[in-house]
Protein backbone atom coordinates (compact mmCIF):
# COMPACT_ATOMS: atom_id res chain seq x y z
CA MET A 1 -12.34 4.66 -7.64
CA VAL A 2 -9.96 4.06 -10.63
CA SER A 3 -10.96 0.37 -10.85
CA ARG A 4 -14.85 1.45 -11.31
CA ARG A 5 -13.77 4.21 -13.82
CA TRP A 6 -11.68 1.52 -16.09
CA ALA A 7 -13.94 -1.35 -15.51
CA GLY A 8 -14.52 -3.48 -18.70
CA ARG A 9 -11.47 -1.83 -20.53
CA GLY A 10 -9.01 -4.44 -19.58
CA VAL A 11 -7.47 -2.13 -16.89
CA THR A 12 -7.11 -3.06 -13.20
CA ALA A 13 -6.35 -1.02 -10.21
CA ASN A 14 -5.65 -2.15 -6.67
CA LEU A 15 -4.05 -0.79 -3.59
CA LEU A 16 -1.00 -2.06 -1.79
CA ASP A 17 0.11 -1.18 1.41
CA PRO A 18 3.36 -3.17 2.00
CA GLY A 19 3.78 -2.49 5.77
CA ILE A 20 6.67 -1.14 7.18
CA VAL A 21 9.63 -1.89 4.96
CA LYS A 22 13.38 -1.19 6.12
CA GLY A 23 15.31 0.50 3.43
CA GLU A 24 18.38 2.30 3.34
CA SER A 25 17.01 5.98 3.12
CA GLY A 26 15.99 7.86 6.54
CA SER A 27 17.48 5.42 9.00
CA GLU A 28 20.76 7.26 9.30
CA ASN A 29 18.85 10.71 9.44
CA PHE A 30 16.61 9.91 12.32
CA GLY A 31 16.71 12.89 14.74
CA GLY A 32 16.50 12.58 18.51
CA PRO A 33 18.34 11.38 21.53
CA ALA A 34 21.14 8.37 20.93
CA LEU A 35 18.98 5.93 22.77
CA ILE A 36 15.96 6.68 20.61
CA GLN A 37 17.88 6.96 17.48
CA ILE A 38 19.39 3.27 18.29
CA LEU A 39 15.81 1.91 19.07
CA MET A 40 14.21 3.59 15.78
CA SER A 41 17.04 2.77 13.55
CA HIS A 42 18.14 -0.62 14.78
CA VAL A 43 16.01 -2.48 17.32
CA ILE A 44 12.29 -1.62 16.35
CA PRO A 45 12.84 -2.15 12.67
CA PHE A 46 14.60 -5.75 13.28
CA PHE A 47 11.26 -6.91 14.92
CA VAL A 48 8.45 -4.98 12.88
CA THR A 49 9.85 -4.33 9.41
CA ASP A 50 10.05 -6.42 6.22
CA GLY A 51 13.22 -6.26 4.21
CA ILE A 52 13.26 -4.24 0.97
CA ASN A 53 13.18 -7.50 -1.23
CA HIS A 54 9.95 -8.63 0.54
CA GLY A 55 8.59 -5.29 0.20
CA SER A 56 9.26 -4.87 -3.44
CA GLN A 57 8.08 -8.53 -4.10
CA GLN A 58 4.77 -7.75 -3.26
CA TYR A 59 4.41 -5.06 -6.19
CA VAL A 60 5.98 -7.54 -8.48
CA ARG A 61 3.40 -10.22 -7.82
CA ARG A 62 0.39 -7.87 -8.16
CA ALA A 63 1.95 -6.85 -11.37
CA ALA A 64 3.01 -9.95 -12.83
CA ASP A 65 0.99 -12.96 -11.20
CA PRO A 66 -1.58 -14.15 -14.01
CA THR A 67 -4.08 -15.38 -11.34
CA LEU A 68 -4.47 -11.64 -10.21
CA ALA A 69 -4.84 -10.51 -13.76
CA SER A 70 -8.59 -9.72 -13.55
CA LEU A 71 -8.74 -8.70 -9.80
CA SER A 72 -9.58 -5.04 -9.52
CA GLY A 73 -10.66 -2.73 -6.61
CA THR A 74 -8.82 -4.77 -3.95
CA TYR A 75 -6.81 -3.59 -1.04
CA PHE A 76 -3.82 -5.39 -0.01
CA VAL A 77 -1.75 -5.03 3.44
CA SER A 78 1.49 -6.75 3.83
CA GLY A 79 0.88 -9.12 0.95
CA LYS A 80 -2.50 -10.16 2.14
CA GLU A 81 -5.81 -9.21 0.73
CA LYS A 82 -7.79 -7.02 3.09
CA LYS A 83 -11.59 -7.71 2.89
CA GLN A 84 -12.50 -4.81 4.98
CA GLY A 85 -9.94 -2.32 4.17
CA SER A 86 -11.58 1.01 3.89
CA SER A 87 -13.11 3.18 6.22
CA PRO A 88 -17.00 3.78 6.06
CA LEU A 89 -16.36 7.47 4.82
CA SER A 90 -14.10 6.07 1.88
CA LEU A 91 -16.91 3.70 1.00
CA ASP A 92 -19.55 6.50 0.79
CA PRO A 93 -20.87 6.77 -2.97
CA ALA A 94 -21.48 10.39 -2.46
CA VAL A 95 -17.80 11.06 -1.07
CA GLN A 96 -16.33 8.83 -3.98
CA LYS A 97 -18.33 10.66 -6.67
CA ARG A 98 -16.87 14.11 -5.20
CA ILE A 99 -13.33 12.78 -5.42
CA ASP A 100 -13.89 11.08 -8.83
CA ASP A 101 -15.19 14.56 -10.04
CA ALA A 102 -12.18 16.36 -8.91
CA ALA A 103 -9.65 13.95 -9.92
CA TRP A 104 -11.02 13.78 -13.41
CA ALA A 105 -12.10 17.36 -14.06
């Protein structure tokens, strides 16, 4: 994990999944029958997505909020800290070491 590698050096690293954010790209290019295009481009996003402003505000808050300045190694989903965010495999120290060794080789 990047947060462990840089611990004690004044660098923090967190993971943010903003959830489903409705943007402009992609919605007009969805393929398939007309009914599916309407559902995927207009109906479903209306009920399950955040606007692009809300999605981007999550990133800005993580970068600029002084109360989060020392927070590192945390997983956020849709703006909220997720305590048990990772799969058991991702928390395996041996797997983490192999990934870390490969990334920094």
